[in-house]
Structures are given as structure tokens and as C-alpha cells.
PDB file of N, CA and C in Angstrom:
ATOM      1  N   MET A   1      89.335 -15.468 -13.776  1.00  0.00           N
ATOM      2  CA  MET A   1      87.912 -15.628 -13.948  1.00  0.00           C
ATOM      3  C   MET A   1      87.188 -14.317 -13.662  1.00  0.00           C
ATOM      4  N   MET A   2      87.660 -13.618 -12.640  1.00  0.00           N
ATOM      5  CA  MET A   2      87.020 -12.365 -12.245  1.00  0.00           C
ATOM      6  C   MET A   2      87.210 -11.300 -13.321  1.00  0.00           C
ATOM      7  N   ILE A   3      88.365 -11.286 -13.958  1.00  0.00           N
ATOM      8  CA  ILE A   3      88.643 -10.308 -15.011  1.00  0.00           C
ATOM      9  C   ILE A   3      87.736 -10.564 -16.211  1.00  0.00           C
ATOM     10  N   LYS A   4      87.520 -11.822 -16.524  1.00  0.00           N
ATOM     11  CA  LYS A   4      86.663 -12.173 -17.652  1.00  0.00           C
ATOM     12  C   LYS A   4      85.219 -11.739 -17.396  1.00  0.00           C
ATOM     13  N   ASN A   5      84.718 -11.940 -16.167  1.00  0.00           N
ATOM     14  CA  ASN A   5      83.361 -11.511 -15.816  1.00  0.00           C
ATOM     15  C   ASN A   5      83.226  -9.995 -15.893  1.00  0.00           C
ATOM     16  N   LYS A   6      84.282  -9.297 -15.442  1.00  0.00           N
ATOM     17  CA  LYS A   6      84.273  -7.840 -15.496  1.00  0.00           C
ATOM     18  C   LYS A   6      84.244  -7.353 -16.942  1.00  0.00           C
ATOM     19  N   LYS A   7      85.009  -8.011 -17.802  1.00  0.00           N
ATOM     20  CA  LYS A   7      85.060  -7.653 -19.211  1.00  0.00           C
ATOM     21  C   LYS A   7      83.703  -7.883 -19.869  1.00  0.00           C
ATOM     22  N   ILE A   8      83.053  -8.985 -19.524  1.00  0.00           N
ATOM     23  CA  ILE A   8      81.729  -9.268 -20.072  1.00  0.00           C
ATOM     24  C   ILE A   8      80.734  -8.208 -19.627  1.00  0.00           C
ATOM     25  N   LYS A   9      80.806  -7.808 -18.353  1.00  0.00           N
ATOM     26  CA  LYS A   9      79.903  -6.774 -17.852  1.00  0.00           C
ATOM     27  C   LYS A   9      80.143  -5.441 -18.549  1.00  0.00           C
ATOM     28  N   THR A  10      81.390  -5.077 -18.751  1.00  0.00           N
ATOM     29  CA  THR A  10      81.657  -3.806 -19.419  1.00  0.00           C
ATOM     30  C   THR A  10      81.216  -3.852 -20.886  1.00  0.00           C
ATOM     31  N   ASP A  11      81.389  -5.006 -21.539  1.00  0.00           N
ATOM     32  CA  ASP A  11      80.910  -5.148 -22.916  1.00  0.00           C
ATOM     33  C   ASP A  11      79.400  -5.005 -22.978  1.00  0.00           C
ATOM     34  N   LEU A  12      78.715  -5.636 -22.025  1.00  0.00           N
ATOM     35  CA  LEU A  12      77.259  -5.524 -21.985  1.00  0.00           C
ATOM     36  C   LEU A  12      76.814  -4.092 -21.705  1.00  0.00           C
ATOM     37  N   GLU A  13      77.528  -3.442 -20.798  1.00  0.00           N
ATOM     38  CA  GLU A  13      77.180  -2.051 -20.481  1.00  0.00           C
ATOM     39  C   GLU A  13      77.367  -1.140 -21.687  1.00  0.00           C
ATOM     40  N   THR A  14      78.446  -1.323 -22.420  1.00  0.00           N
ATOM     41  CA  THR A  14      78.669  -0.476 -23.594  1.00  0.00           C
ATOM     42  C   THR A  14      77.627  -0.752 -24.667  1.00  0.00           C
ATOM     43  N   ARG A  15      77.249  -2.017 -24.843  1.00  0.00           N
ATOM     44  CA  ARG A  15      76.204  -2.339 -25.802  1.00  0.00           C
ATOM     45  C   ARG A  15      74.867  -1.734 -25.389  1.00  0.00           C
ATOM     46  N   LEU A  16      74.551  -1.791 -24.089  1.00  0.00           N
ATOM     47  CA  LEU A  16      73.309  -1.205 -23.598  1.00  0.00           C
ATOM     48  C   LEU A  16      73.309   0.312 -23.778  1.00  0.00           C
ATOM     49  N   GLU A  17      74.441   0.937 -23.514  1.00  0.00           N
ATOM     50  CA  GLU A  17      74.531   2.384 -23.709  1.00  0.00           C
ATOM     51  C   GLU A  17      74.371   2.752 -25.176  1.00  0.00           C
ATOM     52  N   ALA A  18      74.976   1.990 -26.048  1.00  0.00           N
ATOM     53  CA  ALA A  18      74.849   2.252 -27.474  1.00  0.00           C
ATOM     54  C   ALA A  18      73.402   2.067 -27.934  1.00  0.00           C
ATOM     55  N   THR A  19      72.761   1.026 -27.433  1.00  0.00           N
ATOM     56  CA  THR A  19      71.354   0.791 -27.770  1.00  0.00           C
ATOM     57  C   THR A  19      70.480   1.910 -27.233  1.00  0.00           C
ATOM     58  N   ASP A  20      70.776   2.358 -26.027  1.00  0.00           N
ATOM     59  CA  ASP A  20      70.016   3.456 -25.430  1.00  0.00           C
ATOM     60  C   ASP A  20      70.167   4.740 -26.243  1.00  0.00           C
ATOM     61  N   ARG A  21      71.378   5.039 -26.688  1.00  0.00           N
ATOM     62  CA  ARG A  21      71.593   6.227 -27.531  1.00  0.00           C
ATOM     63  C   ARG A  21      70.841   6.115 -28.849  1.00  0.00           C
ATOM     64  N   LEU A  22      70.853   4.933 -29.427  1.00  0.00           N
ATOM     65  CA  LEU A  22      70.155   4.710 -30.687  1.00  0.00           C
ATOM     66  C   LEU A  22      68.643   4.876 -30.511  1.00  0.00           C
ATOM     67  N   LEU A  23      68.111   4.345 -29.434  1.00  0.00           N
ATOM     68  CA  LEU A  23      66.679   4.495 -29.169  1.00  0.00           C
ATOM     69  C   LEU A  23      66.303   5.953 -28.923  1.00  0.00           C
ATOM     70  N   LYS A  24      67.153   6.692 -28.212  1.00  0.00           N
ATOM     71  CA  LYS A  24      66.897   8.117 -27.993  1.00  0.00           C
ATOM     72  C   LYS A  24      66.925   8.890 -29.309  1.00  0.00           C
ATOM     73  N   TYR A  25      67.870   8.547 -30.174  1.00  0.00           N
ATOM     74  CA  TYR A  25      67.962   9.204 -31.476  1.00  0.00           C
ATOM     75  C   TYR A  25      66.688   8.984 -32.289  1.00  0.00           C
ATOM     76  N   PHE A  26      66.243   7.713 -32.367  1.00  0.00           N
ATOM     77  CA  PHE A  26      65.036   7.424 -33.131  1.00  0.00           C
ATOM     78  C   PHE A  26      63.794   8.035 -32.488  1.00  0.00           C
ATOM     79  N   SER A  27      63.772   8.090 -31.175  1.00  0.00           N
ATOM     80  CA  SER A  27      62.641   8.705 -30.480  1.00  0.00           C
ATOM     81  C   SER A  27      62.575  10.208 -30.771  1.00  0.00           C
ATOM     82  N   ASN A  28      63.721  10.883 -30.719  1.00  0.00           N
ATOM     83  CA  ASN A  28      63.754  12.311 -31.041  1.00  0.00           C
ATOM     84  C   ASN A  28      63.379  12.556 -32.496  1.00  0.00           C
ATOM     85  N   ARG A  29      63.846  11.708 -33.365  1.00  0.00           N
ATOM     86  CA  ARG A  29      63.521  11.849 -34.790  1.00  0.00           C
ATOM     87  C   ARG A  29      62.025  11.655 -35.029  1.00  0.00           C
ATOM     88  N   LYS A  30      61.435  10.674 -34.378  1.00  0.00           N
ATOM     89  CA  LYS A  30      59.995  10.422 -34.505  1.00  0.00           C
ATOM     90  C   LYS A  30      59.198  11.607 -33.964  1.00  0.00           C
ATOM     91  N   ARG A  31      59.613  12.152 -32.828  1.00  0.00           N
ATOM     92  CA  ARG A  31      58.930  13.299 -32.241  1.00  0.00           C
ATOM     93  C   ARG A  31      59.007  14.507 -33.179  1.00  0.00           C
ATOM     94  N   LYS A  32      60.172  14.711 -33.776  1.00  0.00           N
ATOM     95  CA  LYS A  32      60.354  15.824 -34.704  1.00  0.00           C
ATOM     96  C   LYS A  32      59.475  15.663 -35.945  1.00  0.00           C
ATOM     97  N   ASN A  33      59.375  14.422 -36.467  1.00  0.00           N
ATOM     98  CA  ASN A  33      58.509  14.169 -37.615  1.00  0.00           C
ATOM     99  C   ASN A  33      57.045  14.430 -37.281  1.00  0.00           C
ATOM    100  N   ILE A  34      56.630  14.048 -36.089  1.00  0.00           N
ATOM    101  CA  ILE A  34      55.250  14.289 -35.678  1.00  0.00           C
ATOM    102  C   ILE A  34      55.001  15.785 -35.526  1.00  0.00           C
ATOM    103  N   GLU A  35      55.945  16.500 -34.935  1.00  0.00           N
ATOM    104  CA  GLU A  35      55.793  17.947 -34.802  1.00  0.00           C
ATOM    105  C   GLU A  35      55.722  18.620 -36.175  1.00  0.00           C
ATOM    106  N   ASN A  36      56.554  18.177 -37.105  1.00  0.00           N
ATOM    107  CA  ASN A  36      56.529  18.744 -38.452  1.00  0.00           C
ATOM    108  C   ASN A  36      55.213  18.448 -39.162  1.00  0.00           C
ATOM    109  N   SER A  37      54.657  17.282 -38.933  1.00  0.00           N
ATOM    110  CA  SER A  37      53.400  16.952 -39.594  1.00  0.00           C
ATOM    111  C   SER A  37      52.238  17.757 -39.021  1.00  0.00           C
ATOM    112  N   LEU A  38      52.383  18.250 -37.802  1.00  0.00           N
ATOM    113  CA  LEU A  38      51.328  19.073 -37.212  1.00  0.00           C
ATOM    114  C   LEU A  38      51.399  20.527 -37.665  1.00  0.00           C
ATOM    115  N   VAL A  39      52.496  20.924 -38.281  1.00  0.00           N
ATOM    116  CA  VAL A  39      52.663  22.304 -38.738  1.00  0.00           C
ATOM    117  C   VAL A  39      51.879  22.540 -40.020  1.00  0.00           C
ATOM    118  N   ARG A  40      51.914  21.587 -40.929  1.00  0.00           N
ATOM    119  CA  ARG A  40      51.222  21.699 -42.211  1.00  0.00           C
ATOM    120  C   ARG A  40      49.732  21.438 -42.051  1.00  0.00           C
ATOM    121  N   PRO A  41      48.930  21.945 -42.992  1.00  0.00           N
ATOM    122  CA  PRO A  41      47.509  21.587 -42.991  1.00  0.00           C
ATOM    123  C   PRO A  41      47.325  20.088 -43.239  1.00  0.00           C
ATOM    124  N   LEU A  42      46.236  19.556 -42.736  1.00  0.00           N
ATOM    125  CA  LEU A  42      45.998  18.120 -42.794  1.00  0.00           C
ATOM    126  C   LEU A  42      45.877  17.606 -44.221  1.00  0.00           C
ATOM    127  N   TYR A  43      45.251  18.369 -45.108  1.00  0.00           N
ATOM    128  CA  TYR A  43      45.072  17.887 -46.475  1.00  0.00           C
ATOM    129  C   TYR A  43      46.418  17.707 -47.178  1.00  0.00           C
ATOM    130  N   GLN A  44      47.405  18.533 -46.834  1.00  0.00           N
ATOM    131  CA  GLN A  44      48.730  18.379 -47.437  1.00  0.00           C
ATOM    132  C   GLN A  44      49.413  17.110 -46.947  1.00  0.00           C
ATOM    133  N   GLU A  45      49.253  16.792 -45.685  1.00  0.00           N
ATOM    134  CA  GLU A  45      49.826  15.558 -45.150  1.00  0.00           C
ATOM    135  C   GLU A  45      49.152  14.342 -45.769  1.00  0.00           C
ATOM    136  N   VAL A  46      47.835  14.422 -45.972  1.00  0.00           N
ATOM    137  CA  VAL A  46      47.122  13.309 -46.597  1.00  0.00           C
ATOM    138  C   VAL A  46      47.595  13.135 -48.040  1.00  0.00           C
ATOM    139  N   LEU A  47      47.721  14.231 -48.779  1.00  0.00           N
ATOM    140  CA  LEU A  47      48.192  14.146 -50.164  1.00  0.00           C
ATOM    141  C   LEU A  47      49.625  13.628 -50.236  1.00  0.00           C
ATOM    142  N   LYS A  48      50.448  14.020 -49.286  1.00  0.00           N
ATOM    143  CA  LYS A  48      51.825  13.528 -49.252  1.00  0.00           C
ATOM    144  C   LYS A  48      51.841  12.011 -49.025  1.00  0.00           C
ATOM    145  N   THR A  49      51.028  11.540 -48.102  1.00  0.00           N
ATOM    146  CA  THR A  49      50.951  10.112 -47.827  1.00  0.00           C
ATOM    147  C   THR A  49      50.424   9.345 -49.036  1.00  0.00           C
ATOM    148  N   LEU A  50      49.389   9.870 -49.678  1.00  0.00           N
ATOM    149  CA  LEU A  50      48.855   9.217 -50.868  1.00  0.00           C
ATOM    150  C   LEU A  50      49.880   9.194 -51.999  1.00  0.00           C
ATOM    151  N   PHE A  51      50.641  10.263 -52.146  1.00  0.00           N
ATOM    152  CA  PHE A  51      51.695  10.303 -53.163  1.00  0.00           C
ATOM    153  C   PHE A  51      52.749   9.235 -52.901  1.00  0.00           C
ATOM    154  N   ILE A  52      53.147   9.096 -51.656  1.00  0.00           N
ATOM    155  CA  ILE A  52      54.162   8.095 -51.312  1.00  0.00           C
ATOM    156  C   ILE A  52      53.638   6.683 -51.571  1.00  0.00           C
ATOM    157  N   ILE A  53      52.388   6.431 -51.215  1.00  0.00           N
ATOM    158  CA  ILE A  53      51.800   5.111 -51.461  1.00  0.00           C
ATOM    159  C   ILE A  53      51.724   4.836 -52.960  1.00  0.00           C
ATOM    160  N   PHE A  54      51.246   5.811 -53.727  1.00  0.00           N
ATOM    161  CA  PHE A  54      51.152   5.658 -55.175  1.00  0.00           C
ATOM    162  C   PHE A  54      52.538   5.440 -55.788  1.00  0.00           C
ATOM    163  N   SER A  55      53.518   6.173 -55.306  1.00  0.00           N
ATOM    164  CA  SER A  55      54.887   6.024 -55.813  1.00  0.00           C
ATOM    165  C   SER A  55      55.434   4.631 -55.539  1.00  0.00           C
ATOM    166  N   MET A  56      55.199   4.136 -54.342  1.00  0.00           N
ATOM    167  CA  MET A  56      55.683   2.800 -54.006  1.00  0.00           C
ATOM    168  C   MET A  56      55.009   1.739 -54.879  1.00  0.00           C
ATOM    169  N   LEU A  57      53.725   1.893 -55.101  1.00  0.00           N
ATOM    170  CA  LEU A  57      53.017   0.917 -55.933  1.00  0.00           C
ATOM    171  C   LEU A  57      53.511   0.935 -57.371  1.00  0.00           C
ATOM    172  N   THR A  58      53.707   2.125 -57.924  1.00  0.00           N
ATOM    173  CA  THR A  58      54.170   2.194 -59.316  1.00  0.00           C
ATOM    174  C   THR A  58      55.612   1.704 -59.439  1.00  0.00           C
ATOM    175  N   CYS A  59      56.442   1.988 -58.446  1.00  0.00           N
ATOM    176  CA  CYS A  59      57.837   1.539 -58.500  1.00  0.00           C
ATOM    177  C   CYS A  59      57.963   0.024 -58.346  1.00  0.00           C
ATOM    178  N   VAL A  60      56.936  -0.610 -57.831  1.00  0.00           N
ATOM    179  CA  VAL A  60      56.987  -2.056 -57.661  1.00  0.00           C
ATOM    180  C   VAL A  60      56.300  -2.778 -58.815  1.00  0.00           C
ATOM    181  N   PHE A  61      55.064  -2.388 -59.107  1.00  0.00           N
ATOM    182  CA  PHE A  61      54.261  -3.189 -60.022  1.00  0.00           C
ATOM    183  C   PHE A  61      54.611  -3.001 -61.490  1.00  0.00           C
ATOM    184  N   ILE A  62      54.968  -1.814 -61.914  1.00  0.00           N
ATOM    185  CA  ILE A  62      55.320  -1.623 -63.334  1.00  0.00           C
ATOM    186  C   ILE A  62      56.596  -2.388 -63.698  1.00  0.00           C
ATOM    187  N   PRO A  63      57.689  -2.263 -62.932  1.00  0.00           N
ATOM    188  CA  PRO A  63      58.870  -3.080 -63.265  1.00  0.00           C
ATOM    189  C   PRO A  63      58.619  -4.591 -63.153  1.00  0.00           C
ATOM    190  N   LEU A  64      57.792  -4.999 -62.200  1.00  0.00           N
ATOM    191  CA  LEU A  64      57.492  -6.434 -62.099  1.00  0.00           C
ATOM    192  C   LEU A  64      56.713  -6.930 -63.311  1.00  0.00           C
ATOM    193  N   GLU A  65      55.791  -6.119 -63.781  1.00  0.00           N
ATOM    194  CA  GLU A  65      55.035  -6.504 -64.970  1.00  0.00           C
ATOM    195  C   GLU A  65      55.949  -6.577 -66.192  1.00  0.00           C
ATOM    196  N   LEU A  66      56.873  -5.638 -66.295  1.00  0.00           N
ATOM    197  CA  LEU A  66      57.833  -5.687 -67.401  1.00  0.00           C
ATOM    198  C   LEU A  66      58.759  -6.893 -67.288  1.00  0.00           C
ATOM    199  N   LEU A  67      59.047  -7.281 -66.063  1.00  0.00           N
ATOM    200  CA  LEU A  67      59.875  -8.466 -65.845  1.00  0.00           C
ATOM    201  C   LEU A  67      59.200  -9.717 -66.397  1.00  0.00           C
ATOM    202  N   LEU A  68      57.881  -9.756 -66.316  1.00  0.00           N
ATOM    203  CA  LEU A  68      57.140 -10.916 -66.817  1.00  0.00           C
ATOM    204  C   LEU A  68      56.895 -10.862 -68.322  1.00  0.00           C
ATOM    205  N   ASP A  69      56.857  -9.668 -68.894  1.00  0.00           N
ATOM    206  CA  ASP A  69      56.467  -9.518 -70.300  1.00  0.00           C
ATOM    207  C   ASP A  69      57.590  -9.780 -71.292  1.00  0.00           C
ATOM    208  N   PHE A  70      58.810  -9.491 -70.934  1.00  0.00           N
ATOM    209  CA  PHE A  70      59.917  -9.614 -71.881  1.00  0.00           C
ATOM    210  C   PHE A  70      60.648 -10.940 -71.711  1.00  0.00           C
ATOM    211  N   ILE A  71      61.501 -11.243 -72.694  1.00  0.00           N
ATOM    212  CA  ILE A  71      62.288 -12.466 -72.611  1.00  0.00           C
ATOM    213  C   ILE A  71      63.425 -12.283 -71.606  1.00  0.00           C
ATOM    214  N   ILE A  72      63.999 -13.371 -71.190  1.00  0.00           N
ATOM    215  CA  ILE A  72      64.917 -13.415 -70.039  1.00  0.00           C
ATOM    216  C   ILE A  72      66.031 -12.371 -70.030  1.00  0.00           C
ATOM    217  N   PRO A  73      66.931 -12.271 -70.956  1.00  0.00           N
ATOM    218  CA  PRO A  73      68.014 -11.306 -70.732  1.00  0.00           C
ATOM    219  C   PRO A  73      67.538  -9.855 -70.827  1.00  0.00           C
ATOM    220  N   LEU A  74      66.514  -9.625 -71.641  1.00  0.00           N
ATOM    221  CA  LEU A  74      66.044  -8.258 -71.850  1.00  0.00           C
ATOM    222  C   LEU A  74      65.173  -7.761 -70.706  1.00  0.00           C
ATOM    223  N   ASN A  75      64.461  -8.665 -70.054  1.00  0.00           N
ATOM    224  CA  ASN A  75      63.509  -8.232 -69.033  1.00  0.00           C
ATOM    225  C   ASN A  75      64.190  -7.571 -67.835  1.00  0.00           C
ATOM    226  N   TYR A  76      65.358  -8.039 -67.438  1.00  0.00           N
ATOM    227  CA  TYR A  76      66.063  -7.433 -66.301  1.00  0.00           C
ATOM    228  C   TYR A  76      66.541  -6.020 -66.645  1.00  0.00           C
ATOM    229  N   ILE A  77      67.040  -5.850 -67.834  1.00  0.00           N
ATOM    230  CA  ILE A  77      67.553  -4.540 -68.254  1.00  0.00           C
ATOM    231  C   ILE A  77      66.426  -3.528 -68.358  1.00  0.00           C
ATOM    232  N   VAL A  78      65.344  -3.924 -69.038  1.00  0.00           N
ATOM    233  CA  VAL A  78      64.204  -3.018 -69.222  1.00  0.00           C
ATOM    234  C   VAL A  78      63.558  -2.696 -67.883  1.00  0.00           C
ATOM    235  N   SER A  79      63.386  -3.690 -67.058  1.00  0.00           N
ATOM    236  CA  SER A  79      62.754  -3.487 -65.754  1.00  0.00           C
ATOM    237  C   SER A  79      63.570  -2.539 -64.879  1.00  0.00           C
ATOM    238  N   LEU A  80      64.867  -2.724 -64.838  1.00  0.00           N
ATOM    239  CA  LEU A  80      65.722  -1.851 -64.045  1.00  0.00           C
ATOM    240  C   LEU A  80      65.721  -0.422 -64.595  1.00  0.00           C
ATOM    241  N   ALA A  81      65.800  -0.291 -65.914  1.00  0.00           N
ATOM    242  CA  ALA A  81      65.800   1.046 -66.520  1.00  0.00           C
ATOM    243  C   ALA A  81      64.493   1.775 -66.248  1.00  0.00           C
ATOM    244  N   VAL A  82      63.378   1.086 -66.395  1.00  0.00           N
ATOM    245  CA  VAL A  82      62.075   1.715 -66.140  1.00  0.00           C
ATOM    246  C   VAL A  82      61.942   2.077 -64.666  1.00  0.00           C
ATOM    247  N   PHE A  83      62.392   1.204 -63.790  1.00  0.00           N
ATOM    248  CA  PHE A  83      62.361   1.509 -62.358  1.00  0.00           C
ATOM    249  C   PHE A  83      63.146   2.779 -62.047  1.00  0.00           C
ATOM    250  N   LEU A  84      64.346   2.890 -62.593  1.00  0.00           N
ATOM    251  CA  LEU A  84      65.174   4.071 -62.318  1.00  0.00           C
ATOM    252  C   LEU A  84      64.538   5.344 -62.865  1.00  0.00           C
ATOM    253  N   VAL A  85      63.939   5.276 -64.041  1.00  0.00           N
ATOM    254  CA  VAL A  85      63.287   6.452 -64.624  1.00  0.00           C
ATOM    255  C   VAL A  85      62.081   6.868 -63.779  1.00  0.00           C
ATOM    256  N   ILE A  86      61.258   5.915 -63.392  1.00  0.00           N
ATOM    257  CA  ILE A  86      60.078   6.220 -62.573  1.00  0.00           C
ATOM    258  C   ILE A  86      60.504   6.773 -61.219  1.00  0.00           C
ATOM    259  N   PHE A  87      61.488   6.155 -60.606  1.00  0.00           N
ATOM    260  CA  PHE A  87      61.962   6.592 -59.291  1.00  0.00           C
ATOM    261  C   PHE A  87      62.521   8.017 -59.361  1.00  0.00           C
ATOM    262  N   TYR A  88      63.289   8.313 -60.398  1.00  0.00           N
ATOM    263  CA  TYR A  88      63.851   9.654 -60.570  1.00  0.00           C
ATOM    264  C   TYR A  88      62.738  10.686 -60.763  1.00  0.00           C
ATOM    265  N   ALA A  89      61.747  10.360 -61.577  1.00  0.00           N
ATOM    266  CA  ALA A  89      60.634  11.282 -61.816  1.00  0.00           C
ATOM    267  C   ALA A  89      59.850  11.523 -60.525  1.00  0.00           C
ATOM    268  N   GLU A  90      59.620  10.485 -59.748  1.00  0.00           N
ATOM    269  CA  GLU A  90      58.893  10.644 -58.488  1.00  0.00           C
ATOM    270  C   GLU A  90      59.681  11.486 -57.489  1.00  0.00           C
ATOM    271  N   LEU A  91      60.986  11.310 -57.442  1.00  0.00           N
ATOM    272  CA  LEU A  91      61.810  12.132 -56.551  1.00  0.00           C
ATOM    273  C   LEU A  91      61.743  13.604 -56.940  1.00  0.00           C
ATOM    274  N   LYS A  92      61.783  13.878 -58.231  1.00  0.00           N
ATOM    275  CA  LYS A  92      61.714  15.268 -58.698  1.00  0.00           C
ATOM    276  C   LYS A  92      60.357  15.892 -58.366  1.00  0.00           C
ATOM    277  N   VAL A  93      59.279  15.140 -58.546  1.00  0.00           N
ATOM    278  CA  VAL A  93      57.948  15.657 -58.206  1.00  0.00           C
ATOM    279  C   VAL A  93      57.854  15.908 -56.706  1.00  0.00           C
ATOM    280  N   TYR A  94      58.334  14.976 -55.905  1.00  0.00           N
ATOM    281  CA  TYR A  94      58.312  15.145 -54.454  1.00  0.00           C
ATOM    282  C   TYR A  94      59.117  16.380 -54.041  1.00  0.00           C
ATOM    283  N   GLU A  95      60.285  16.540 -54.634  1.00  0.00           N
ATOM    284  CA  GLU A  95      61.151  17.681 -54.297  1.00  0.00           C
ATOM    285  C   GLU A  95      60.489  19.002 -54.675  1.00  0.00           C
ATOM    286  N   LYS A  96      59.785  19.033 -55.800  1.00  0.00           N
ATOM    287  CA  LYS A  96      59.115  20.261 -56.226  1.00  0.00           C
ATOM    288  C   LYS A  96      57.955  20.639 -55.318  1.00  0.00           C
ATOM    289  N   ILE A  97      57.288  19.639 -54.761  1.00  0.00           N
ATOM    290  CA  ILE A  97      56.114  19.928 -53.934  1.00  0.00           C
ATOM    291  C   ILE A  97      56.470  20.023 -52.455  1.00  0.00           C
ATOM    292  N   TRP A  98      57.156  19.023 -51.909  1.00  0.00           N
ATOM    293  CA  TRP A  98      57.419  18.977 -50.472  1.00  0.00           C
ATOM    294  C   TRP A  98      58.880  19.166 -50.109  1.00  0.00           C
ATOM    295  N   GLY A  99      59.750  19.438 -51.047  1.00  0.00           N
ATOM    296  CA  GLY A  99      61.173  19.605 -50.762  1.00  0.00           C
ATOM    297  C   GLY A  99      61.470  20.909 -50.039  1.00  0.00           C
ATOM    298  N   LYS A 100      62.740  21.191 -49.827  1.00  0.00           N
ATOM    299  CA  LYS A 100      63.138  22.400 -49.090  1.00  0.00           C
ATOM    300  C   LYS A 100      62.647  23.683 -49.740  1.00  0.00           C
ATOM    301  N   LYS A 101      62.647  23.736 -51.066  1.00  0.00           N
ATOM    302  CA  LYS A 101      62.177  24.930 -51.769  1.00  0.00           C
ATOM    303  C   LYS A 101      60.859  24.658 -52.482  1.00  0.00           C
ATOM    304  N   GLY A 102      60.163  23.629 -52.066  1.00  0.00           N
ATOM    305  CA  GLY A 102      58.918  23.225 -52.714  1.00  0.00           C
ATOM    306  C   GLY A 102      57.750  24.131 -52.358  1.00  0.00           C
ATOM    307  N   LYS A 103      56.665  23.881 -53.046  1.00  0.00           N
ATOM    308  CA  LYS A 103      55.452  24.679 -52.858  1.00  0.00           C
ATOM    309  C   LYS A 103      54.904  24.526 -51.439  1.00  0.00           C
ATOM    310  N   TRP A 104      54.916  23.307 -50.899  1.00  0.00           N
ATOM    311  CA  TRP A 104      54.401  23.051 -49.560  1.00  0.00           C
ATOM    312  C   TRP A 104      55.522  22.636 -48.603  1.00  0.00           C
ATOM    313  N   SER A 105      56.665  23.269 -48.697  1.00  0.00           N
ATOM    314  CA  SER A 105      57.789  22.880 -47.843  1.00  0.00           C
ATOM    315  C   SER A 105      57.497  23.207 -46.387  1.00  0.00           C
ATOM    316  N   ILE A 106      58.085  22.437 -45.501  1.00  0.00           N
ATOM    317  CA  ILE A 106      57.864  22.615 -44.071  1.00  0.00           C
ATOM    318  C   ILE A 106      58.486  23.917 -43.576  1.00  0.00           C
ATOM    319  N   GLU A 107      59.553  24.371 -44.230  1.00  0.00           N
ATOM    320  CA  GLU A 107      60.220  25.603 -43.812  1.00  0.00           C
ATOM    321  C   GLU A 107      59.301  26.816 -43.973  1.00  0.00           C
ATOM    322  N   LYS A 108      58.487  26.822 -45.005  1.00  0.00           N
ATOM    323  CA  LYS A 108      57.550  27.928 -45.216  1.00  0.00           C
ATOM    324  C   LYS A 108      56.536  28.019 -44.084  1.00  0.00           C
ATOM    325  N   TYR A 109      56.034  26.880 -43.651  1.00  0.00           N
ATOM    326  CA  TYR A 109      55.049  26.877 -42.584  1.00  0.00           C
ATOM    327  C   TYR A 109      55.678  27.186 -41.237  1.00  0.00           C
ATOM    328  N   LYS A 110      56.921  26.793 -41.054  1.00  0.00           N
ATOM    329  CA  LYS A 110      57.602  27.135 -39.803  1.00  0.00           C
ATOM    330  C   LYS A 110      57.828  28.645 -39.716  1.00  0.00           C
ATOM    331  N   ARG A 111      58.141  29.271 -40.856  1.00  0.00           N
ATOM    332  CA  ARG A 111      58.343  30.720 -40.886  1.00  0.00           C
ATOM    333  C   ARG A 111      57.057  31.460 -40.546  1.00  0.00           C
ATOM    334  N   TYR A 112      55.934  31.001 -41.091  1.00  0.00           N
ATOM    335  CA  TYR A 112      54.657  31.664 -40.839  1.00  0.00           C
ATOM    336  C   TYR A 112      54.177  31.485 -39.419  1.00  0.00           C
ATOM    337  N   LYS A 113      54.536  30.387 -38.808  1.00  0.00           N
ATOM    338  CA  LYS A 113      54.083  30.092 -37.456  1.00  0.00           C
ATOM    339  C   LYS A 113      54.780  30.948 -36.407  1.00  0.00           C
ATOM    340  N   LYS A 114      56.038  31.323 -36.664  1.00  0.00           N
ATOM    341  CA  LYS A 114      56.823  32.091 -35.680  1.00  0.00           C
ATOM    342  C   LYS A 114      56.339  33.482 -35.546  1.00  0.00           C
TER     343      LYS A 114
END
């Protein structure tokens, strides 16, 4: 009985440690994102947020509308194809503007700040 209780305690301890590491990881990541957002000018962060919101809306509503407009077997194919094309185009635009080599990349502002 004592061995079983010890095993349960060690299992709980390992789970707690794993959860603690995961929380620390997400906390550090959140802090880093906040620090990065403070490096860029505010208007760029606002435009980035608006772009992401607009992208999410277009990636949801256009394929859903196509899903309703076409007949059953065709609507799934067309909707998926349009979604993939829109998503790919949005990723390319995001990469050109805010990506590593983009016009408003975070690396450029970090270089100027140092």
C-alpha cells in the first residue's frame, strides 16, 4: 500500500513539474511577444492586427458562402480550394510585410534599437 501511495505521489509530482515547465514556456513566449510588439511603431502593430482579423474573416466567410451556393458534391471541393488559395495569398502578403525579410520585420527594428 505504501509503495502505491509513493508511486501516486511521484506521478503527481512529475505531472506538476511538467505543467510548471509548460507554464514557464508560455509565460516566456508571451513576454517575448509583448517585448517585440513594443519595438515596432504602434501604427504597424495596429495594421498587423487589422490584417489578421481581416484574414480570419475572409478565410471563414468566403468558403462558407461558397459552401451554401453550390450543389452538394461540388461545394466541398470549391470551398476547400478557395480557402487554400486565399490562405496561401494571405500568408505571402504577411510574409512580405511582417516576415523575417519583410518591409516591417521585427529584426530591422531590433537592429536599429541596438
